[in-house]
Amino acid sequence: MSLIHKETLTGAGMWSKVVKRGRSLKLTDLEGGANVGMLLYNAYEKHERYNMPDTLKGQYIFHLKAPYCLHSDMGRIFASITAESSGWHDTVSGASDAKAVREKYGQGDYQELRNDFYRNAQECFLIELAKWGLGKRDLVPNINWFSKVVADEEGKLSFVENHSKAGDSVELRFELDTLVVLNTCPHPFDPNPEYRPKPVELAISEAAPVAEDDPSLKVRAENQRAYYNTTVYNKLRF
């Protein structure tokens, strides 16, 4: 696979770009303990976006890992998880907001900390979405790569500390031209009392063609139907 672009997001970094179908996005936790919030939208019809409930119930899962897929609310697949090393990624816990960050970490404003001031994930999402004509009404349940959240028998969620190690990565192959929105704010359930977002490297490359025995499509019949819908959409759209 030929590398197209690579950069590092530091601090509470933000990023949004269109990743074309047939390309891969690799995220790497550089120090351990990273969290990467992600939202996905159809690059051309932005009312189509990542659907957490369909992604989970359609694949009979509670968390994300290879070789599962990221489904849209239109019955299509945004991306397939082709490789990852931590075995568990959260998509049920949402994103932090200003009130939660202030209560957990303190004020941490720009006047005091300059560029190291405390950001929250919802604010970072909204800043990036505004660049594409989107706003608060377009926020949906997001993915939190590298974070593990488990549920007990009563349904109470808890954050698993020290889950992601330095060098852990996740790689996505995109099946639709997709607007990808990222931030590296701490997970909303992270119990660390200090505000310490971790750096993450992202790399975009050309992906290998989808094979007939592709694990992401074979893992569930629902993925095969969604991939068929995606293929038809791409043929008619382009």
C-alpha atoms as a PDB file:
ATOM      1  CA  MET A   1       0.000   0.000   0.000  1.00  0.00           C
ATOM      2  CA  SER A   2       1.408   3.384  -0.969  1.00  0.00           C
ATOM      3  CA  LEU A   3       1.358   6.090   1.691  1.00  0.00           C
ATOM      4  CA  ILE A   4      -0.594   9.206   0.717  1.00  0.00           C
ATOM      5  CA  HIS A   5      -0.483  11.319   3.864  1.00  0.00           C
ATOM      6  CA  LYS A   6       0.741  11.117   7.461  1.00  0.00           C
ATOM      7  CA  GLU A   7       0.548  13.483  10.415  1.00  0.00           C
ATOM      8  CA  THR A   8       0.410  13.509  14.208  1.00  0.00           C
ATOM      9  CA  LEU A   9      -2.417  14.927  16.297  1.00  0.00           C
ATOM     10  CA  THR A  10      -1.098  16.296  19.596  1.00  0.00           C
ATOM     11  CA  GLY A  11      -2.877  17.584  22.675  1.00  0.00           C
ATOM     12  CA  ALA A  12      -6.633  17.760  22.216  1.00  0.00           C
ATOM     13  CA  GLY A  13      -6.126  17.679  18.459  1.00  0.00           C
ATOM     14  CA  MET A  14      -8.862  18.013  15.856  1.00  0.00           C
ATOM     15  CA  TRP A  15      -8.975  16.838  12.241  1.00  0.00           C
ATOM     16  CA  SER A  16     -11.512  16.469   9.446  1.00  0.00           C
ATOM     17  CA  LYS A  17     -10.958  15.390   5.864  1.00  0.00           C
ATOM     18  CA  VAL A  18     -12.665  13.357   3.151  1.00  0.00           C
ATOM     19  CA  VAL A  19     -11.143   9.890   2.850  1.00  0.00           C
ATOM     20  CA  LYS A  20     -11.965   8.307  -0.500  1.00  0.00           C
ATOM     21  CA  ARG A  21     -13.245   4.768  -0.933  1.00  0.00           C
ATOM     22  CA  GLY A  22     -10.457   2.339  -1.638  1.00  0.00           C
ATOM     23  CA  ARG A  23      -8.161   4.052   0.848  1.00  0.00           C
ATOM     24  CA  SER A  24      -7.187   3.125   4.381  1.00  0.00           C
ATOM     25  CA  LEU A  25      -6.829   5.212   7.509  1.00  0.00           C
ATOM     26  CA  LYS A  26      -4.459   3.914  10.174  1.00  0.00           C
ATOM     27  CA  LEU A  27      -4.502   5.399  13.678  1.00  0.00           C
ATOM     28  CA  THR A  28      -1.595   4.672  16.026  1.00  0.00           C
ATOM     29  CA  ASP A  29      -1.485   5.349  19.771  1.00  0.00           C
ATOM     30  CA  LEU A  30       2.030   6.748  20.201  1.00  0.00           C
ATOM     31  CA  GLU A  31       2.351   6.727  23.999  1.00  0.00           C
ATOM     32  CA  GLY A  32      -0.421   4.478  25.287  1.00  0.00           C
ATOM     33  CA  GLY A  33      -3.711   5.545  26.826  1.00  0.00           C
ATOM     34  CA  ALA A  34      -4.944   7.499  23.810  1.00  0.00           C
ATOM     35  CA  ASN A  35      -8.563   8.096  22.887  1.00  0.00           C
ATOM     36  CA  VAL A  36      -9.690   9.094  19.403  1.00  0.00           C
ATOM     37  CA  GLY A  37     -13.266  10.271  18.983  1.00  0.00           C
ATOM     38  CA  MET A  38     -14.605   9.712  15.462  1.00  0.00           C
ATOM     39  CA  LEU A  39     -17.691  10.711  13.488  1.00  0.00           C
ATOM     40  CA  LEU A  40     -18.402   9.640   9.890  1.00  0.00           C
ATOM     41  CA  TYR A  41     -20.574  11.254   7.199  1.00  0.00           C
ATOM     42  CA  ASN A  42     -21.216  10.581   3.520  1.00  0.00           C
ATOM     43  CA  ALA A  43     -18.932  13.061   1.755  1.00  0.00           C
ATOM     44  CA  TYR A  44     -21.642  14.100  -0.721  1.00  0.00           C
ATOM     45  CA  GLU A  45     -24.896  13.519   1.157  1.00  0.00           C
ATOM     46  CA  LYS A  46     -24.075  14.461   4.710  1.00  0.00           C
ATOM     47  CA  HIS A  47     -27.457  13.467   6.094  1.00  0.00           C
ATOM     48  CA  GLU A  48     -26.053   9.922   5.906  1.00  0.00           C
ATOM     49  CA  ARG A  49     -23.882   9.331   8.944  1.00  0.00           C
ATOM     50  CA  TYR A  50     -22.415   6.681  11.228  1.00  0.00           C
ATOM     51  CA  ASN A  51     -25.092   4.686  13.031  1.00  0.00           C
ATOM     52  CA  MET A  52     -23.962   3.161  16.297  1.00  0.00           C
ATOM     53  CA  PRO A  53     -27.132   1.111  16.985  1.00  0.00           C
ATOM     54  CA  ASP A  54     -27.142  -0.523  13.539  1.00  0.00           C
ATOM     55  CA  THR A  55     -23.394  -1.149  13.703  1.00  0.00           C
ATOM     56  CA  LEU A  56     -23.763  -3.027  16.981  1.00  0.00           C
ATOM     57  CA  LYS A  57     -27.071  -4.846  16.656  1.00  0.00           C
ATOM     58  CA  GLY A  58     -26.524  -5.822  13.009  1.00  0.00           C
ATOM     59  CA  GLN A  59     -23.257  -7.550  13.898  1.00  0.00           C
ATOM     60  CA  TYR A  60     -24.291  -8.858  17.349  1.00  0.00           C
ATOM     61  CA  ILE A  61     -21.526  -6.950  19.132  1.00  0.00           C
ATOM     62  CA  PHE A  62     -21.099  -4.462  22.002  1.00  0.00           C
ATOM     63  CA  HIS A  63     -17.693  -3.097  21.029  1.00  0.00           C
ATOM     64  CA  LEU A  64     -15.653  -2.634  17.870  1.00  0.00           C
ATOM     65  CA  LYS A  65     -12.724  -4.736  16.678  1.00  0.00           C
ATOM     66  CA  ALA A  66     -11.476  -6.388  13.489  1.00  0.00           C
ATOM     67  CA  PRO A  67     -12.992  -7.586  11.203  1.00  0.00           C
ATOM     68  CA  TYR A  68     -16.284  -5.776  11.859  1.00  0.00           C
ATOM     69  CA  CYS A  69     -17.689  -2.864   9.847  1.00  0.00           C
ATOM     70  CA  LEU A  70     -18.907   0.662  10.540  1.00  0.00           C
ATOM     71  CA  HIS A  71     -22.464   1.000   9.238  1.00  0.00           C
ATOM     72  CA  SER A  72     -24.367   4.086   8.119  1.00  0.00           C
ATOM     73  CA  ASP A  73     -28.005   4.916   8.827  1.00  0.00           C
ATOM     74  CA  MET A  74     -28.800   4.169   5.159  1.00  0.00           C
ATOM     75  CA  GLY A  75     -27.903   0.486   5.264  1.00  0.00           C
ATOM     76  CA  ARG A  76     -24.424   0.943   3.813  1.00  0.00           C
ATOM     77  CA  ILE A  77     -20.867   0.514   5.076  1.00  0.00           C
ATOM     78  CA  PHE A  78     -18.586   3.466   5.629  1.00  0.00           C
ATOM     79  CA  ALA A  79     -15.520   1.428   6.506  1.00  0.00           C
ATOM     80  CA  SER A  80     -14.275  -2.020   7.455  1.00  0.00           C
ATOM     81  CA  ILE A  81     -11.899  -2.617  10.354  1.00  0.00           C
ATOM     82  CA  THR A  82      -9.171  -4.560   8.572  1.00  0.00           C
ATOM     83  CA  ALA A  83      -6.614  -4.652  11.392  1.00  0.00           C
ATOM     84  CA  GLU A  84      -6.218  -3.572  15.005  1.00  0.00           C
ATOM     85  CA  SER A  85      -4.159  -4.625  17.981  1.00  0.00           C
ATOM     86  CA  SER A  86      -6.004  -3.729  21.195  1.00  0.00           C
ATOM     87  CA  GLY A  87      -9.063  -5.934  20.647  1.00  0.00           C
ATOM     88  CA  TRP A  88     -11.700  -3.543  21.971  1.00  0.00           C
ATOM     89  CA  HIS A  89     -12.859  -0.059  20.966  1.00  0.00           C
ATOM     90  CA  ASP A  90     -15.776   1.772  22.570  1.00  0.00           C
ATOM     91  CA  THR A  91     -18.757   3.222  20.708  1.00  0.00           C
ATOM     92  CA  VAL A  92     -21.413   3.465  23.448  1.00  0.00           C
ATOM     93  CA  SER A  93     -20.052   6.141  25.804  1.00  0.00           C
ATOM     94  CA  GLY A  94     -20.329   9.308  23.736  1.00  0.00           C
ATOM     95  CA  ALA A  95     -18.205  12.445  23.996  1.00  0.00           C
ATOM     96  CA  SER A  96     -17.271  14.795  26.821  1.00  0.00           C
ATOM     97  CA  ASP A  97     -18.858  18.248  27.037  1.00  0.00           C
ATOM     98  CA  ALA A  98     -17.706  21.528  28.603  1.00  0.00           C
ATOM     99  CA  LYS A  99     -19.489  20.944  31.921  1.00  0.00           C
ATOM    100  CA  ALA A 100     -18.038  17.474  32.410  1.00  0.00           C
ATOM    101  CA  VAL A 101     -14.490  18.597  31.591  1.00  0.00           C
ATOM    102  CA  ARG A 102     -14.730  21.607  33.907  1.00  0.00           C
ATOM    103  CA  GLU A 103     -16.055  19.507  36.795  1.00  0.00           C
ATOM    104  CA  LYS A 104     -13.399  16.812  36.372  1.00  0.00           C
ATOM    105  CA  TYR A 105     -10.292  18.828  35.519  1.00  0.00           C
ATOM    106  CA  GLY A 106     -11.008  22.424  36.559  1.00  0.00           C
ATOM    107  CA  GLN A 107     -11.298  25.581  34.489  1.00  0.00           C
ATOM    108  CA  GLY A 108      -8.125  25.229  32.405  1.00  0.00           C
ATOM    109  CA  ASP A 109      -8.929  28.223  30.216  1.00  0.00           C
ATOM    110  CA  TYR A 110      -6.957  29.829  27.400  1.00  0.00           C
ATOM    111  CA  GLN A 111      -5.926  32.869  29.447  1.00  0.00           C
ATOM    112  CA  GLU A 112      -4.136  30.573  31.873  1.00  0.00           C
ATOM    113  CA  LEU A 113      -2.855  27.742  29.673  1.00  0.00           C
ATOM    114  CA  ARG A 114      -2.800  29.234  26.163  1.00  0.00           C
ATOM    115  CA  ASN A 115      -2.812  26.459  23.546  1.00  0.00           C
ATOM    116  CA  ASP A 116      -2.863  23.789  26.257  1.00  0.00           C
ATOM    117  CA  PHE A 117      -6.277  24.872  27.542  1.00  0.00           C
ATOM    118  CA  TYR A 118      -8.808  22.143  28.270  1.00  0.00           C
ATOM    119  CA  ARG A 119     -11.012  21.255  25.326  1.00  0.00           C
ATOM    120  CA  ASN A 120     -13.952  18.891  25.334  1.00  0.00           C
ATOM    121  CA  ALA A 121     -14.792  16.390  22.602  1.00  0.00           C
ATOM    122  CA  GLN A 122     -18.205  17.825  21.762  1.00  0.00           C
ATOM    123  CA  GLU A 123     -16.702  21.277  21.198  1.00  0.00           C
ATOM    124  CA  CYS A 124     -13.955  19.813  19.006  1.00  0.00           C
ATOM    125  CA  PHE A 125     -16.488  17.909  16.924  1.00  0.00           C
ATOM    126  CA  LEU A 126     -18.565  21.057  16.437  1.00  0.00           C
ATOM    127  CA  ILE A 127     -15.547  23.144  15.396  1.00  0.00           C
ATOM    128  CA  GLU A 128     -14.676  20.631  12.684  1.00  0.00           C
ATOM    129  CA  LEU A 129     -18.286  20.073  11.602  1.00  0.00           C
ATOM    130  CA  ALA A 130     -18.768  23.811  11.093  1.00  0.00           C
ATOM    131  CA  LYS A 131     -16.084  23.716   8.400  1.00  0.00           C
ATOM    132  CA  TRP A 132     -18.391  21.453   6.380  1.00  0.00           C
ATOM    133  CA  GLY A 133     -21.668  23.272   6.960  1.00  0.00           C
ATOM    134  CA  LEU A 134     -22.735  20.946   9.767  1.00  0.00           C
ATOM    135  CA  GLY A 135     -23.654  21.690  13.364  1.00  0.00           C
ATOM    136  CA  LYS A 136     -25.054  20.462  16.662  1.00  0.00           C
ATOM    137  CA  ARG A 137     -28.055  18.779  15.069  1.00  0.00           C
ATOM    138  CA  ASP A 138     -25.618  16.591  13.111  1.00  0.00           C
ATOM    139  CA  LEU A 139     -23.926  15.126  16.192  1.00  0.00           C
ATOM    140  CA  VAL A 140     -24.544  11.395  16.617  1.00  0.00           C
ATOM    141  CA  PRO A 141     -23.113   8.737  18.966  1.00  0.00           C
ATOM    142  CA  ASN A 142     -19.421   8.543  18.164  1.00  0.00           C
ATOM    143  CA  ILE A 143     -16.622   6.000  18.225  1.00  0.00           C
ATOM    144  CA  ASN A 144     -13.854   6.151  20.861  1.00  0.00           C
ATOM    145  CA  TRP A 145     -10.899   4.282  19.373  1.00  0.00           C
ATOM    146  CA  PHE A 146      -8.403   2.708  21.805  1.00  0.00           C
ATOM    147  CA  SER A 147     -10.792   2.944  24.786  1.00  0.00           C
ATOM    148  CA  LYS A 148     -12.437  -0.005  26.529  1.00  0.00           C
ATOM    149  CA  VAL A 149     -15.712   0.314  28.426  1.00  0.00           C
ATOM    150  CA  VAL A 150     -17.436  -2.734  29.886  1.00  0.00           C
ATOM    151  CA  ALA A 151     -20.878  -3.309  31.382  1.00  0.00           C
ATOM    152  CA  ASP A 152     -21.722  -5.288  34.506  1.00  0.00           C
ATOM    153  CA  GLU A 153     -24.804  -7.467  34.998  1.00  0.00           C
ATOM    154  CA  GLU A 154     -26.884  -4.404  35.898  1.00  0.00           C
ATOM    155  CA  GLY A 155     -25.773  -2.507  32.809  1.00  0.00           C
ATOM    156  CA  LYS A 156     -23.446  -0.108  34.630  1.00  0.00           C
ATOM    157  CA  LEU A 157     -20.597   1.022  32.394  1.00  0.00           C
ATOM    158  CA  SER A 158     -17.020   1.271  33.630  1.00  0.00           C
ATOM    159  CA  PHE A 159     -13.775   2.396  31.990  1.00  0.00           C
ATOM    160  CA  VAL A 160     -10.874  -0.061  31.778  1.00  0.00           C
ATOM    161  CA  GLU A 161      -7.620   1.748  32.515  1.00  0.00           C
ATOM    162  CA  ASN A 162      -4.322   1.057  30.709  1.00  0.00           C
ATOM    163  CA  HIS A 163      -6.105  -0.754  27.900  1.00  0.00           C
ATOM    164  CA  SER A 164      -4.262   0.699  24.910  1.00  0.00           C
ATOM    165  CA  LYS A 165      -0.484   0.422  24.831  1.00  0.00           C
ATOM    166  CA  ALA A 166       2.104   2.493  22.983  1.00  0.00           C
ATOM    167  CA  GLY A 167       2.162   1.333  19.375  1.00  0.00           C
ATOM    168  CA  ASP A 168      -1.373  -0.053  19.323  1.00  0.00           C
ATOM    169  CA  SER A 169      -3.154   0.743  16.077  1.00  0.00           C
ATOM    170  CA  VAL A 170      -6.398   0.366  14.175  1.00  0.00           C
ATOM    171  CA  GLU A 171      -6.763   0.384  10.393  1.00  0.00           C
ATOM    172  CA  LEU A 172      -9.934   1.151   8.448  1.00  0.00           C
ATOM    173  CA  ARG A 173     -10.624   0.481   4.766  1.00  0.00           C
ATOM    174  CA  PHE A 174     -13.178   2.927   3.399  1.00  0.00           C
ATOM    175  CA  GLU A 175     -15.988   1.643   1.199  1.00  0.00           C
ATOM    176  CA  LEU A 176     -17.610   5.076   0.669  1.00  0.00           C
ATOM    177  CA  ASP A 177     -16.112   8.519   0.134  1.00  0.00           C
ATOM    178  CA  THR A 178     -16.394   9.607   3.751  1.00  0.00           C
ATOM    179  CA  LEU A 179     -16.041  12.791   5.749  1.00  0.00           C
ATOM    180  CA  VAL A 180     -14.002  11.704   8.762  1.00  0.00           C
ATOM    181  CA  VAL A 181     -14.057  13.905  11.874  1.00  0.00           C
ATOM    182  CA  LEU A 182     -11.577  13.219  14.687  1.00  0.00           C
ATOM    183  CA  ASN A 183     -10.448  14.569  18.026  1.00  0.00           C
ATOM    184  CA  THR A 184      -8.056  13.273  20.674  1.00  0.00           C
ATOM    185  CA  CYS A 185      -9.784  14.523  23.824  1.00  0.00           C
ATOM    186  CA  PRO A 186      -9.756  12.147  26.813  1.00  0.00           C
ATOM    187  CA  HIS A 187     -12.543   9.583  27.039  1.00  0.00           C
ATOM    188  CA  PRO A 188     -15.505  10.910  29.080  1.00  0.00           C
ATOM    189  CA  PHE A 189     -15.200   8.009  31.559  1.00  0.00           C
ATOM    190  CA  ASP A 190     -11.417   8.186  31.974  1.00  0.00           C
ATOM    191  CA  PRO A 191     -10.879   8.490  35.762  1.00  0.00           C
ATOM    192  CA  ASN A 192      -7.481  10.205  35.469  1.00  0.00           C
ATOM    193  CA  PRO A 193      -7.879  13.496  37.414  1.00  0.00           C
ATOM    194  CA  GLU A 194      -5.262  15.192  35.224  1.00  0.00           C
ATOM    195  CA  TYR A 195      -6.113  16.441  31.740  1.00  0.00           C
ATOM    196  CA  ARG A 196      -3.629  14.548  29.569  1.00  0.00           C
ATOM    197  CA  PRO A 197      -4.727  13.885  25.985  1.00  0.00           C
ATOM    198  CA  LYS A 198      -2.274  11.606  24.198  1.00  0.00           C
ATOM    199  CA  PRO A 199      -0.731  12.027  20.722  1.00  0.00           C
ATOM    200  CA  VAL A 200      -1.971   9.891  17.854  1.00  0.00           C
ATOM    201  CA  GLU A 201      -0.484   9.349  14.402  1.00  0.00           C
ATOM    202  CA  LEU A 202      -2.783   9.053  11.414  1.00  0.00           C
ATOM    203  CA  ALA A 203      -1.735   7.683   8.048  1.00  0.00           C
ATOM    204  CA  ILE A 204      -3.762   7.449   4.838  1.00  0.00           C
ATOM    205  CA  SER A 205      -2.757   4.912   2.191  1.00  0.00           C
ATOM    206  CA  GLU A 206      -4.149   3.131  -0.826  1.00  0.00           C
ATOM    207  CA  ALA A 207      -5.932   0.006   0.399  1.00  0.00           C
ATOM    208  CA  ALA A 208      -5.708  -3.468  -1.069  1.00  0.00           C
ATOM    209  CA  PRO A 209      -8.721  -4.473  -3.205  1.00  0.00           C
ATOM    210  CA  VAL A 210     -11.607  -6.209  -1.461  1.00  0.00           C
ATOM    211  CA  ALA A 211     -11.276  -9.985  -1.914  1.00  0.00           C
ATOM    212  CA  GLU A 212     -14.178 -12.412  -2.282  1.00  0.00           C
ATOM    213  CA  ASP A 213     -13.275 -14.003   1.051  1.00  0.00           C
ATOM    214  CA  ASP A 214     -12.784 -10.672   2.841  1.00  0.00           C
ATOM    215  CA  PRO A 215     -13.144 -11.277   6.611  1.00  0.00           C
ATOM    216  CA  SER A 216     -15.164  -8.090   7.187  1.00  0.00           C
ATOM    217  CA  LEU A 217     -17.814  -9.237   4.737  1.00  0.00           C
ATOM    218  CA  LYS A 218     -17.804 -12.882   5.792  1.00  0.00           C
ATOM    219  CA  VAL A 219     -18.124 -12.253   9.527  1.00  0.00           C
ATOM    220  CA  ARG A 220     -21.861 -11.471   9.235  1.00  0.00           C
ATOM    221  CA  ALA A 221     -24.459 -11.852   6.489  1.00  0.00           C
ATOM    222  CA  GLU A 222     -25.655  -8.358   7.403  1.00  0.00           C
ATOM    223  CA  ASN A 223     -22.298  -6.989   6.278  1.00  0.00           C
ATOM    224  CA  GLN A 224     -22.620  -8.675   2.894  1.00  0.00           C
ATOM    225  CA  ARG A 225     -26.015  -7.057   2.339  1.00  0.00           C
ATOM    226  CA  ALA A 226     -24.724  -3.664   3.450  1.00  0.00           C
ATOM    227  CA  TYR A 227     -21.666  -4.003   1.213  1.00  0.00           C
ATOM    228  CA  TYR A 228     -23.926  -4.863  -1.730  1.00  0.00           C
ATOM    229  CA  ASN A 229     -25.960  -1.715  -1.007  1.00  0.00           C
ATOM    230  CA  THR A 230     -22.718   0.259  -0.881  1.00  0.00           C
ATOM    231  CA  THR A 231     -21.483  -1.175  -4.179  1.00  0.00           C
ATOM    232  CA  VAL A 232     -24.751  -0.340  -5.944  1.00  0.00           C
ATOM    233  CA  TYR A 233     -24.692   3.183  -4.507  1.00  0.00           C
ATOM    234  CA  ASN A 234     -21.139   3.759  -5.719  1.00  0.00           C
ATOM    235  CA  LYS A 235     -21.957   2.461  -9.204  1.00  0.00           C
ATOM    236  CA  LEU A 236     -25.014   4.677  -9.595  1.00  0.00           C
ATOM    237  CA  ARG A 237     -23.525   7.696  -7.817  1.00  0.00           C
ATOM    238  CA  PHE A 238     -20.349   7.777  -9.882  1.00  0.00           C
END
